[in-house]
Amino acid sequence: MNPFFSVRDCCSRALERKRTLIVLAVLLAVGFVLGACFAKNPAMYAFNRRMCTRFVDRVCYSDTSVLKLFLLRTLGHSALILAAIAGGVHPVALALPVVALLFRSFTFGGSVVVLVSVYGAAGVLILVVLLLPVHLLIDALLLLSSSLSFGRAFGFCFCKRDFIALFSDFFSLVLCTAAVCLLEAFLLLAFFHPIGNIL
């Protein structure tokens, strides 16, 4: 299996479902707006504050090696992609990508408000240079994987061929996820971590 052609085929099939992608993108935008609107709610504020603090402490200004962060972030995002791809095994399972999209966009909306209000200029730098580009790229991959699931769920058969196709799509999207996390690693080295913190 040629990884390049596998990725290209996976992306082209996902992009064919334009209406699905538009609906999912609107869902993503609605989740973001709601997250930002409810960010000042005491319970949501405390939750988003914990998430932001953990991101700043464990990713941006951490002593952990960038290589280890790259592996951990790739695994974490791959789990999200897996949840979205798993929605393709049955129509009922399509709730998985929808919940993943809503949760991710809702928490991101709240995190943006907290980052800017709590961390000030440093928060804006983290948001613009690191969090926003990486988040948008992972969101794009999540949209593609969700689109594939919506195209597959109503015709999925529990047979070897369909499971191989499912695995192929997951593998392709994980490769893309690893590429995004590699970009994140370079951004960390360029703006936040010393060069000696690679290993």
N, C-alpha and C. Protein backbone atom coordinates (compact mmCIF):
# COMPACT_ATOMS: atom_id res chain seq x y z
N MET A 1 0.85 -1.20 0.00
CA MET A 1 0.00 0.00 0.00
C MET A 1 0.89 1.25 0.00
N ASN A 2 0.73 2.08 -1.00
CA ASN A 2 1.49 3.32 -1.09
C ASN A 2 0.83 4.37 -0.20
N PRO A 3 1.54 4.83 0.85
CA PRO A 3 0.90 5.78 1.79
C PRO A 3 0.40 7.06 1.12
N PHE A 4 1.17 7.57 0.16
CA PHE A 4 0.79 8.83 -0.49
C PHE A 4 -0.55 8.67 -1.23
N PHE A 5 -0.67 7.61 -2.03
CA PHE A 5 -1.90 7.40 -2.78
C PHE A 5 -3.06 7.04 -1.86
N SER A 6 -2.75 6.36 -0.76
CA SER A 6 -3.79 6.03 0.22
C SER A 6 -4.36 7.29 0.85
N VAL A 7 -3.47 8.23 1.22
CA VAL A 7 -3.91 9.49 1.81
C VAL A 7 -4.71 10.30 0.80
N ARG A 8 -4.21 10.37 -0.42
CA ARG A 8 -4.90 11.15 -1.45
C ARG A 8 -6.29 10.57 -1.75
N ASP A 9 -6.39 9.24 -1.83
CA ASP A 9 -7.67 8.60 -2.09
C ASP A 9 -8.65 8.85 -0.94
N CYS A 10 -8.14 8.73 0.27
CA CYS A 10 -8.96 8.95 1.47
C CYS A 10 -9.52 10.37 1.48
N CYS A 11 -8.67 11.35 1.24
CA CYS A 11 -9.09 12.75 1.25
C CYS A 11 -10.06 13.07 0.12
N SER A 12 -9.82 12.52 -1.07
CA SER A 12 -10.70 12.81 -2.21
C SER A 12 -12.09 12.23 -1.98
N ARG A 13 -12.18 11.04 -1.38
CA ARG A 13 -13.49 10.45 -1.08
C ARG A 13 -14.23 11.26 -0.03
N ALA A 14 -13.50 11.76 0.95
CA ALA A 14 -14.13 12.58 2.00
C ALA A 14 -14.62 13.90 1.43
N LEU A 15 -13.85 14.50 0.54
CA LEU A 15 -14.21 15.80 -0.04
C LEU A 15 -15.37 15.70 -1.03
N GLU A 16 -15.66 14.51 -1.53
CA GLU A 16 -16.79 14.34 -2.44
C GLU A 16 -18.13 14.62 -1.75
N ARG A 17 -18.17 14.41 -0.44
CA ARG A 17 -19.40 14.61 0.33
C ARG A 17 -19.46 16.05 0.84
N LYS A 18 -19.66 16.97 -0.09
CA LYS A 18 -19.58 18.40 0.23
C LYS A 18 -20.68 18.84 1.21
N ARG A 19 -21.90 18.35 1.01
CA ARG A 19 -22.99 18.75 1.90
C ARG A 19 -22.73 18.29 3.33
N THR A 20 -22.24 17.07 3.46
CA THR A 20 -21.92 16.54 4.78
C THR A 20 -20.84 17.38 5.44
N LEU A 21 -19.82 17.73 4.68
CA LEU A 21 -18.74 18.55 5.21
C LEU A 21 -19.23 19.93 5.64
N ILE A 22 -20.13 20.51 4.86
CA ILE A 22 -20.67 21.83 5.20
C ILE A 22 -21.46 21.76 6.50
N VAL A 23 -22.32 20.74 6.63
CA VAL A 23 -23.12 20.58 7.85
C VAL A 23 -22.21 20.37 9.06
N LEU A 24 -21.20 19.53 8.90
CA LEU A 24 -20.27 19.26 10.01
C LEU A 24 -19.46 20.50 10.36
N ALA A 25 -19.07 21.28 9.35
CA ALA A 25 -18.32 22.52 9.60
C ALA A 25 -19.19 23.54 10.35
N VAL A 26 -20.47 23.61 9.98
CA VAL A 26 -21.40 24.50 10.69
C VAL A 26 -21.54 24.05 12.14
N LEU A 27 -21.62 22.74 12.34
CA LEU A 27 -21.70 22.17 13.69
C LEU A 27 -20.46 22.56 14.50
N LEU A 28 -19.31 22.50 13.86
CA LEU A 28 -18.05 22.88 14.50
C LEU A 28 -18.07 24.36 14.89
N ALA A 29 -18.56 25.20 13.98
CA ALA A 29 -18.62 26.64 14.25
C ALA A 29 -19.60 26.96 15.38
N VAL A 30 -20.75 26.28 15.38
CA VAL A 30 -21.75 26.49 16.43
C VAL A 30 -21.17 26.09 17.79
N GLY A 31 -20.46 24.96 17.82
CA GLY A 31 -19.83 24.51 19.06
C GLY A 31 -18.83 25.53 19.58
N PHE A 32 -18.05 26.12 18.68
CA PHE A 32 -17.06 27.12 19.06
C PHE A 32 -17.74 28.36 19.65
N VAL A 33 -18.77 28.84 18.97
CA VAL A 33 -19.48 30.05 19.44
C VAL A 33 -20.13 29.80 20.80
N LEU A 34 -20.76 28.64 20.97
CA LEU A 34 -21.38 28.31 22.26
C LEU A 34 -20.34 28.21 23.36
N GLY A 35 -19.19 27.59 23.01
CA GLY A 35 -18.10 27.47 24.00
C GLY A 35 -17.60 28.83 24.44
N ALA A 36 -17.47 29.76 23.49
CA ALA A 36 -17.01 31.11 23.82
C ALA A 36 -18.06 31.86 24.64
N CYS A 37 -19.33 31.65 24.30
CA CYS A 37 -20.41 32.35 25.01
C CYS A 37 -20.55 31.87 26.46
N PHE A 38 -20.35 30.57 26.67
CA PHE A 38 -20.52 30.02 28.01
C PHE A 38 -19.21 29.95 28.79
N ALA A 39 -18.15 30.56 28.24
CA ALA A 39 -16.83 30.49 28.88
C ALA A 39 -16.80 31.12 30.26
N LYS A 40 -17.66 32.11 30.51
CA LYS A 40 -17.67 32.81 31.79
C LYS A 40 -18.53 32.11 32.84
N ASN A 41 -19.26 31.07 32.42
CA ASN A 41 -19.99 30.27 33.39
C ASN A 41 -18.98 29.68 34.39
N PRO A 42 -19.23 29.78 35.70
CA PRO A 42 -18.22 29.35 36.69
C PRO A 42 -17.69 27.93 36.49
N ALA A 43 -18.60 26.99 36.24
CA ALA A 43 -18.16 25.59 36.06
C ALA A 43 -17.35 25.44 34.78
N MET A 44 -17.82 26.06 33.69
CA MET A 44 -17.10 25.97 32.41
C MET A 44 -15.77 26.73 32.48
N TYR A 45 -15.78 27.85 33.18
CA TYR A 45 -14.55 28.63 33.31
C TYR A 45 -13.48 27.82 34.04
N ALA A 46 -13.88 27.16 35.12
CA ALA A 46 -12.93 26.35 35.89
C ALA A 46 -12.39 25.20 35.03
N PHE A 47 -13.27 24.57 34.25
CA PHE A 47 -12.86 23.46 33.38
C PHE A 47 -11.89 23.95 32.31
N ASN A 48 -12.25 25.04 31.63
CA ASN A 48 -11.38 25.59 30.58
C ASN A 48 -10.06 26.11 31.15
N ARG A 49 -10.11 26.67 32.34
CA ARG A 49 -8.89 27.17 32.99
C ARG A 49 -7.93 26.01 33.24
N ARG A 50 -8.47 24.87 33.71
CA ARG A 50 -7.63 23.68 33.94
C ARG A 50 -7.01 23.19 32.64
N MET A 51 -7.82 23.16 31.57
CA MET A 51 -7.32 22.71 30.28
C MET A 51 -6.21 23.62 29.76
N CYS A 52 -6.42 24.91 29.86
CA CYS A 52 -5.42 25.88 29.38
C CYS A 52 -4.13 25.79 30.19
N THR A 53 -4.28 25.69 31.51
CA THR A 53 -3.11 25.60 32.38
C THR A 53 -2.31 24.34 32.06
N ARG A 54 -3.03 23.24 31.84
CA ARG A 54 -2.36 21.99 31.51
C ARG A 54 -1.63 22.09 30.17
N PHE A 55 -2.26 22.73 29.19
CA PHE A 55 -1.63 22.89 27.87
C PHE A 55 -0.39 23.78 27.97
N VAL A 56 -0.51 24.88 28.68
CA VAL A 56 0.62 25.80 28.81
C VAL A 56 1.77 25.14 29.57
N ASP A 57 1.44 24.47 30.68
CA ASP A 57 2.48 23.87 31.52
C ASP A 57 3.10 22.61 30.92
N ARG A 58 2.26 21.76 30.29
CA ARG A 58 2.75 20.46 29.83
C ARG A 58 3.21 20.45 28.38
N VAL A 59 2.81 21.47 27.61
CA VAL A 59 3.19 21.49 26.19
C VAL A 59 4.09 22.69 25.89
N CYS A 60 3.60 23.88 26.16
CA CYS A 60 4.35 25.09 25.76
C CYS A 60 5.61 25.29 26.57
N TYR A 61 5.50 25.27 27.89
CA TYR A 61 6.65 25.57 28.74
C TYR A 61 7.02 24.38 29.60
N SER A 62 7.10 23.23 28.98
CA SER A 62 7.40 21.99 29.68
C SER A 62 8.87 21.62 29.52
N ASP A 63 9.39 20.85 30.49
CA ASP A 63 10.74 20.31 30.38
C ASP A 63 10.75 19.00 29.59
N THR A 64 9.57 18.50 29.27
CA THR A 64 9.46 17.25 28.51
C THR A 64 10.05 17.45 27.12
N SER A 65 10.73 16.42 26.63
CA SER A 65 11.35 16.53 25.30
C SER A 65 10.28 16.71 24.23
N VAL A 66 10.64 17.44 23.19
CA VAL A 66 9.70 17.70 22.10
C VAL A 66 9.34 16.40 21.38
N LEU A 67 10.29 15.46 21.30
CA LEU A 67 10.01 14.17 20.67
C LEU A 67 8.92 13.42 21.43
N LYS A 68 9.02 13.43 22.76
CA LYS A 68 8.00 12.76 23.59
C LYS A 68 6.65 13.46 23.44
N LEU A 69 6.67 14.80 23.42
CA LEU A 69 5.43 15.55 23.22
C LEU A 69 4.81 15.22 21.87
N PHE A 70 5.66 15.11 20.84
CA PHE A 70 5.18 14.76 19.50
C PHE A 70 4.46 13.41 19.52
N LEU A 71 5.06 12.43 20.18
CA LEU A 71 4.45 11.09 20.24
C LEU A 71 3.15 11.11 21.03
N LEU A 72 3.16 11.80 22.17
CA LEU A 72 1.95 11.86 23.01
C LEU A 72 0.82 12.60 22.31
N ARG A 73 1.14 13.70 21.64
CA ARG A 73 0.12 14.48 20.94
C ARG A 73 -0.42 13.71 19.75
N THR A 74 0.46 12.98 19.05
CA THR A 74 0.01 12.17 17.91
C THR A 74 -0.95 11.08 18.40
N LEU A 75 -0.61 10.42 19.50
CA LEU A 75 -1.48 9.38 20.05
C LEU A 75 -2.83 9.96 20.49
N GLY A 76 -2.79 11.11 21.15
CA GLY A 76 -4.03 11.74 21.61
C GLY A 76 -4.95 12.13 20.47
N HIS A 77 -4.40 12.77 19.46
CA HIS A 77 -5.21 13.17 18.31
C HIS A 77 -5.67 11.96 17.49
N SER A 78 -4.83 10.92 17.44
CA SER A 78 -5.20 9.70 16.71
C SER A 78 -6.40 9.01 17.36
N ALA A 79 -6.47 9.10 18.70
CA ALA A 79 -7.63 8.52 19.41
C ALA A 79 -8.92 9.24 19.00
N LEU A 80 -8.81 10.55 18.81
CA LEU A 80 -9.96 11.34 18.36
C LEU A 80 -10.37 10.95 16.94
N ILE A 81 -9.37 10.76 16.06
CA ILE A 81 -9.64 10.33 14.69
C ILE A 81 -10.27 8.94 14.69
N LEU A 82 -9.78 8.08 15.57
CA LEU A 82 -10.33 6.72 15.68
C LEU A 82 -11.80 6.76 16.06
N ALA A 83 -12.16 7.63 17.01
CA ALA A 83 -13.56 7.76 17.42
C ALA A 83 -14.43 8.20 16.24
N ALA A 84 -13.92 9.14 15.44
CA ALA A 84 -14.68 9.62 14.28
C ALA A 84 -14.80 8.54 13.21
N ILE A 85 -13.70 7.82 12.95
CA ILE A 85 -13.72 6.75 11.94
C ILE A 85 -14.61 5.60 12.38
N ALA A 86 -14.61 5.30 13.69
CA ALA A 86 -15.42 4.20 14.23
C ALA A 86 -16.92 4.45 14.02
N GLY A 87 -17.29 5.71 13.83
CA GLY A 87 -18.70 6.02 13.56
C GLY A 87 -19.19 5.42 12.26
N GLY A 88 -18.28 4.99 11.40
CA GLY A 88 -18.66 4.45 10.10
C GLY A 88 -19.11 3.00 10.12
N VAL A 89 -19.08 2.35 11.29
CA VAL A 89 -19.46 0.92 11.32
C VAL A 89 -20.97 0.72 11.42
N HIS A 90 -21.71 1.76 11.80
CA HIS A 90 -23.17 1.62 11.95
C HIS A 90 -23.78 3.02 12.06
N PRO A 91 -25.00 3.21 11.52
CA PRO A 91 -25.64 4.54 11.61
C PRO A 91 -25.74 5.08 13.04
N VAL A 92 -26.01 4.19 14.01
CA VAL A 92 -26.12 4.63 15.40
C VAL A 92 -24.78 5.19 15.90
N ALA A 93 -23.69 4.59 15.42
CA ALA A 93 -22.35 5.01 15.85
C ALA A 93 -21.95 6.37 15.30
N LEU A 94 -22.75 6.93 14.39
CA LEU A 94 -22.44 8.26 13.86
C LEU A 94 -22.52 9.34 14.93
N ALA A 95 -23.09 8.99 16.07
CA ALA A 95 -23.07 9.93 17.20
C ALA A 95 -21.65 10.21 17.66
N LEU A 96 -20.74 9.24 17.46
CA LEU A 96 -19.35 9.40 17.91
C LEU A 96 -18.66 10.60 17.26
N PRO A 97 -18.62 10.69 15.91
CA PRO A 97 -17.97 11.87 15.32
C PRO A 97 -18.67 13.18 15.65
N VAL A 98 -19.99 13.14 15.77
CA VAL A 98 -20.73 14.37 16.10
C VAL A 98 -20.36 14.86 17.50
N VAL A 99 -20.33 13.93 18.46
CA VAL A 99 -19.96 14.29 19.84
C VAL A 99 -18.52 14.77 19.89
N ALA A 100 -17.62 14.10 19.15
CA ALA A 100 -16.21 14.48 19.13
C ALA A 100 -16.05 15.90 18.59
N LEU A 101 -16.77 16.20 17.50
CA LEU A 101 -16.70 17.54 16.91
C LEU A 101 -17.24 18.60 17.85
N LEU A 102 -18.40 18.34 18.43
CA LEU A 102 -19.01 19.32 19.34
C LEU A 102 -18.17 19.56 20.59
N PHE A 103 -17.68 18.47 21.18
CA PHE A 103 -16.87 18.61 22.40
C PHE A 103 -15.60 19.39 22.10
N ARG A 104 -14.95 19.04 21.00
CA ARG A 104 -13.68 19.71 20.65
C ARG A 104 -13.89 21.20 20.37
N SER A 105 -14.91 21.53 19.60
CA SER A 105 -15.13 22.93 19.25
C SER A 105 -15.64 23.73 20.46
N PHE A 106 -16.48 23.11 21.29
CA PHE A 106 -17.02 23.79 22.47
C PHE A 106 -15.89 24.13 23.45
N THR A 107 -15.03 23.16 23.72
CA THR A 107 -13.93 23.41 24.65
C THR A 107 -12.91 24.38 24.06
N PHE A 108 -12.74 24.35 22.74
CA PHE A 108 -11.80 25.28 22.11
C PHE A 108 -12.30 26.71 22.23
N GLY A 109 -13.59 26.91 22.02
CA GLY A 109 -14.18 28.25 22.15
C GLY A 109 -13.95 28.82 23.54
N GLY A 110 -14.18 27.99 24.56
CA GLY A 110 -13.95 28.43 25.93
C GLY A 110 -12.48 28.66 26.22
N SER A 111 -11.63 27.80 25.67
CA SER A 111 -10.18 27.91 25.91
C SER A 111 -9.60 29.19 25.30
N VAL A 112 -10.12 29.60 24.15
CA VAL A 112 -9.66 30.84 23.52
C VAL A 112 -9.93 32.03 24.44
N VAL A 113 -11.13 32.07 24.99
CA VAL A 113 -11.51 33.17 25.90
C VAL A 113 -10.60 33.17 27.13
N VAL A 114 -10.39 31.99 27.70
CA VAL A 114 -9.57 31.90 28.92
C VAL A 114 -8.11 32.25 28.62
N LEU A 115 -7.57 31.74 27.52
CA LEU A 115 -6.18 32.02 27.17
C LEU A 115 -5.92 33.52 27.06
N VAL A 116 -6.82 34.21 26.37
CA VAL A 116 -6.63 35.64 26.15
C VAL A 116 -6.86 36.43 27.44
N SER A 117 -7.90 36.07 28.20
CA SER A 117 -8.23 36.84 29.41
C SER A 117 -7.26 36.58 30.57
N VAL A 118 -6.75 35.37 30.69
CA VAL A 118 -5.88 35.02 31.82
C VAL A 118 -4.41 35.27 31.50
N TYR A 119 -3.97 34.87 30.31
CA TYR A 119 -2.54 34.92 29.99
C TYR A 119 -2.14 36.17 29.20
N GLY A 120 -3.10 36.97 28.79
CA GLY A 120 -2.80 38.23 28.12
C GLY A 120 -2.01 38.06 26.83
N ALA A 121 -0.93 38.82 26.69
CA ALA A 121 -0.12 38.80 25.47
C ALA A 121 0.49 37.42 25.22
N ALA A 122 0.93 36.76 26.30
CA ALA A 122 1.49 35.40 26.17
C ALA A 122 0.43 34.44 25.65
N GLY A 123 -0.81 34.60 26.11
CA GLY A 123 -1.91 33.76 25.65
C GLY A 123 -2.22 33.99 24.18
N VAL A 124 -2.17 35.25 23.76
CA VAL A 124 -2.41 35.57 22.34
C VAL A 124 -1.31 34.94 21.48
N LEU A 125 -0.06 35.01 21.94
CA LEU A 125 1.05 34.41 21.21
C LEU A 125 0.86 32.90 21.07
N ILE A 126 0.52 32.24 22.18
CA ILE A 126 0.28 30.79 22.16
C ILE A 126 -0.86 30.45 21.21
N LEU A 127 -1.91 31.26 21.27
CA LEU A 127 -3.09 31.02 20.44
C LEU A 127 -2.76 31.16 18.95
N VAL A 128 -2.13 32.27 18.59
CA VAL A 128 -1.89 32.58 17.17
C VAL A 128 -0.80 31.70 16.56
N VAL A 129 0.29 31.51 17.31
CA VAL A 129 1.45 30.81 16.77
C VAL A 129 1.31 29.29 16.83
N LEU A 130 0.68 28.79 17.89
CA LEU A 130 0.68 27.34 18.11
C LEU A 130 -0.71 26.71 18.09
N LEU A 131 -1.56 27.15 18.98
CA LEU A 131 -2.84 26.46 19.19
C LEU A 131 -3.77 26.55 17.99
N LEU A 132 -3.94 27.75 17.45
CA LEU A 132 -4.89 27.93 16.35
C LEU A 132 -4.54 27.15 15.09
N PRO A 133 -3.31 27.26 14.55
CA PRO A 133 -3.01 26.50 13.34
C PRO A 133 -3.11 24.99 13.53
N VAL A 134 -2.59 24.49 14.64
CA VAL A 134 -2.63 23.05 14.89
C VAL A 134 -4.07 22.59 15.09
N HIS A 135 -4.82 23.36 15.86
CA HIS A 135 -6.22 22.99 16.13
C HIS A 135 -7.04 22.95 14.84
N LEU A 136 -6.85 23.94 13.99
CA LEU A 136 -7.61 23.99 12.73
C LEU A 136 -7.25 22.83 11.81
N LEU A 137 -5.98 22.46 11.77
CA LEU A 137 -5.56 21.34 10.93
C LEU A 137 -6.12 20.01 11.46
N ILE A 138 -6.10 19.82 12.76
CA ILE A 138 -6.69 18.60 13.34
C ILE A 138 -8.19 18.60 13.14
N ASP A 139 -8.83 19.77 13.26
CA ASP A 139 -10.27 19.87 12.99
C ASP A 139 -10.58 19.47 11.55
N ALA A 140 -9.73 19.89 10.61
CA ALA A 140 -9.93 19.52 9.21
C ALA A 140 -9.86 18.01 9.03
N LEU A 141 -8.90 17.37 9.70
CA LEU A 141 -8.79 15.91 9.63
C LEU A 141 -9.99 15.24 10.29
N LEU A 142 -10.46 15.83 11.36
CA LEU A 142 -11.65 15.29 12.04
C LEU A 142 -12.88 15.42 11.15
N LEU A 143 -12.98 16.53 10.43
CA LEU A 143 -14.08 16.70 9.47
C LEU A 143 -14.01 15.66 8.36
N LEU A 144 -12.81 15.42 7.84
CA LEU A 144 -12.63 14.42 6.77
C LEU A 144 -12.99 13.02 7.26
N SER A 145 -12.53 12.68 8.45
CA SER A 145 -12.84 11.35 8.98
C SER A 145 -14.33 11.19 9.27
N SER A 146 -14.96 12.26 9.74
CA SER A 146 -16.41 12.22 9.98
C SER A 146 -17.17 12.09 8.68
N SER A 147 -16.72 12.78 7.64
CA SER A 147 -17.34 12.68 6.32
C SER A 147 -17.26 11.25 5.79
N LEU A 148 -16.11 10.62 5.97
CA LEU A 148 -15.94 9.22 5.54
C LEU A 148 -16.91 8.31 6.30
N SER A 149 -17.07 8.58 7.59
CA SER A 149 -17.97 7.76 8.40
C SER A 149 -19.42 7.90 7.95
N PHE A 150 -19.83 9.13 7.64
CA PHE A 150 -21.21 9.33 7.16
C PHE A 150 -21.43 8.67 5.80
N GLY A 151 -20.39 8.58 5.00
CA GLY A 151 -20.51 7.92 3.71
C GLY A 151 -20.49 6.41 3.81
N ARG A 152 -19.94 5.89 4.89
CA ARG A 152 -19.75 4.45 5.03
C ARG A 152 -20.82 3.78 5.90
N ALA A 153 -21.35 4.48 6.89
CA ALA A 153 -22.15 3.86 7.95
C ALA A 153 -23.36 3.09 7.44
N PHE A 154 -24.05 3.59 6.41
CA PHE A 154 -25.29 2.96 5.98
C PHE A 154 -25.06 1.77 5.05
N GLY A 155 -23.81 1.56 4.63
CA GLY A 155 -23.54 0.41 3.76
C GLY A 155 -22.45 -0.48 4.30
N PHE A 156 -22.06 -0.26 5.57
CA PHE A 156 -20.95 -1.04 6.12
C PHE A 156 -21.36 -2.48 6.39
N CYS A 157 -20.54 -3.41 5.95
CA CYS A 157 -20.75 -4.83 6.21
C CYS A 157 -19.62 -5.32 7.10
N PHE A 158 -19.96 -6.15 8.05
CA PHE A 158 -18.94 -6.66 8.96
C PHE A 158 -18.19 -7.80 8.29
N CYS A 159 -17.40 -7.41 7.30
CA CYS A 159 -16.62 -8.38 6.54
C CYS A 159 -15.18 -7.88 6.45
N LYS A 160 -14.30 -8.76 6.01
CA LYS A 160 -12.87 -8.44 5.96
C LYS A 160 -12.59 -7.24 5.06
N ARG A 161 -13.24 -7.19 3.90
CA ARG A 161 -12.98 -6.10 2.95
C ARG A 161 -13.30 -4.74 3.54
N ASP A 162 -14.45 -4.63 4.20
CA ASP A 162 -14.85 -3.33 4.76
C ASP A 162 -13.97 -2.93 5.94
N PHE A 163 -13.53 -3.92 6.72
CA PHE A 163 -12.65 -3.60 7.84
C PHE A 163 -11.26 -3.16 7.34
N ILE A 164 -10.81 -3.77 6.25
CA ILE A 164 -9.53 -3.36 5.65
C ILE A 164 -9.64 -1.92 5.14
N ALA A 165 -10.77 -1.59 4.50
CA ALA A 165 -10.99 -0.23 4.01
C ALA A 165 -11.04 0.76 5.17
N LEU A 166 -11.67 0.35 6.26
CA LEU A 166 -11.75 1.19 7.47
C LEU A 166 -10.35 1.45 8.03
N PHE A 167 -9.57 0.37 8.12
CA PHE A 167 -8.21 0.50 8.65
C PHE A 167 -7.35 1.37 7.73
N SER A 168 -7.53 1.22 6.43
CA SER A 168 -6.76 2.00 5.46
C SER A 168 -7.03 3.50 5.64
N ASP A 169 -8.30 3.86 5.82
CA ASP A 169 -8.64 5.26 6.05
C ASP A 169 -8.06 5.78 7.36
N PHE A 170 -8.16 4.95 8.39
CA PHE A 170 -7.61 5.34 9.69
C PHE A 170 -6.09 5.54 9.60
N PHE A 171 -5.41 4.62 8.94
CA PHE A 171 -3.96 4.71 8.76
C PHE A 171 -3.58 5.99 8.01
N SER A 172 -4.32 6.30 6.96
CA SER A 172 -4.04 7.50 6.16
C SER A 172 -4.20 8.76 6.99
N LEU A 173 -5.27 8.81 7.78
CA LEU A 173 -5.54 10.00 8.60
C LEU A 173 -4.56 10.12 9.76
N VAL A 174 -4.08 8.98 10.27
CA VAL A 174 -3.07 9.02 11.33
C VAL A 174 -1.75 9.56 10.77
N LEU A 175 -1.43 9.21 9.54
CA LEU A 175 -0.23 9.78 8.90
C LEU A 175 -0.34 11.30 8.82
N CYS A 176 -1.51 11.77 8.43
CA CYS A 176 -1.74 13.23 8.35
C CYS A 176 -1.67 13.86 9.74
N THR A 177 -2.22 13.15 10.73
CA THR A 177 -2.18 13.63 12.12
C THR A 177 -0.74 13.75 12.60
N ALA A 178 0.07 12.75 12.28
CA ALA A 178 1.49 12.78 12.66
C ALA A 178 2.20 13.96 12.01
N ALA A 179 1.83 14.27 10.77
CA ALA A 179 2.44 15.41 10.07
C ALA A 179 2.08 16.72 10.76
N VAL A 180 0.82 16.84 11.20
CA VAL A 180 0.39 18.05 11.92
C VAL A 180 1.13 18.16 13.26
N CYS A 181 1.26 17.04 13.95
CA CYS A 181 1.97 17.05 15.24
C CYS A 181 3.46 17.33 15.07
N LEU A 182 4.00 16.93 13.92
CA LEU A 182 5.40 17.26 13.62
C LEU A 182 5.54 18.77 13.42
N LEU A 183 4.58 19.37 12.73
CA LEU A 183 4.56 20.83 12.58
C LEU A 183 4.48 21.49 13.95
N GLU A 184 3.63 20.95 14.83
CA GLU A 184 3.51 21.49 16.18
C GLU A 184 4.85 21.41 16.91
N ALA A 185 5.57 20.30 16.73
CA ALA A 185 6.88 20.12 17.37
C ALA A 185 7.87 21.18 16.89
N PHE A 186 7.85 21.47 15.59
CA PHE A 186 8.73 22.50 15.03
C PHE A 186 8.37 23.89 15.59
N LEU A 187 7.06 24.14 15.72
CA LEU A 187 6.62 25.42 16.28
C LEU A 187 7.03 25.55 17.75
N LEU A 188 6.96 24.45 18.47
CA LEU A 188 7.39 24.46 19.87
C LEU A 188 8.88 24.80 19.97
N LEU A 189 9.67 24.18 19.10
CA LEU A 189 11.12 24.44 19.10
C LEU A 189 11.43 25.88 18.67
N ALA A 190 10.64 26.38 17.72
CA ALA A 190 10.90 27.72 17.20
C ALA A 190 10.52 28.83 18.17
N PHE A 191 9.46 28.60 18.97
CA PHE A 191 8.94 29.69 19.80
C PHE A 191 8.97 29.45 21.31
N PHE A 192 8.95 28.21 21.74
CA PHE A 192 8.74 27.96 23.17
C PHE A 192 9.81 27.12 23.85
N HIS A 193 10.37 26.15 23.13
CA HIS A 193 11.33 25.24 23.76
C HIS A 193 12.75 25.55 23.29
N PRO A 194 13.74 25.34 24.15
CA PRO A 194 15.12 25.47 23.68
C PRO A 194 15.45 24.35 22.71
N ILE A 195 16.38 24.59 21.79
CA ILE A 195 16.75 23.59 20.77
C ILE A 195 17.22 22.28 21.42
N GLY A 196 17.89 22.41 22.56
CA GLY A 196 18.41 21.21 23.24
C GLY A 196 17.34 20.32 23.82
N ASN A 197 16.07 20.75 23.73
CA ASN A 197 14.96 19.98 24.32
C ASN A 197 14.32 19.03 23.32
N ILE A 198 15.02 18.70 22.24
CA ILE A 198 14.45 17.80 21.22
C ILE A 198 14.26 16.40 21.79
N LEU A 199 15.28 15.88 22.45
CA LEU A 199 15.23 14.50 22.97
C LEU A 199 15.06 14.49 24.49
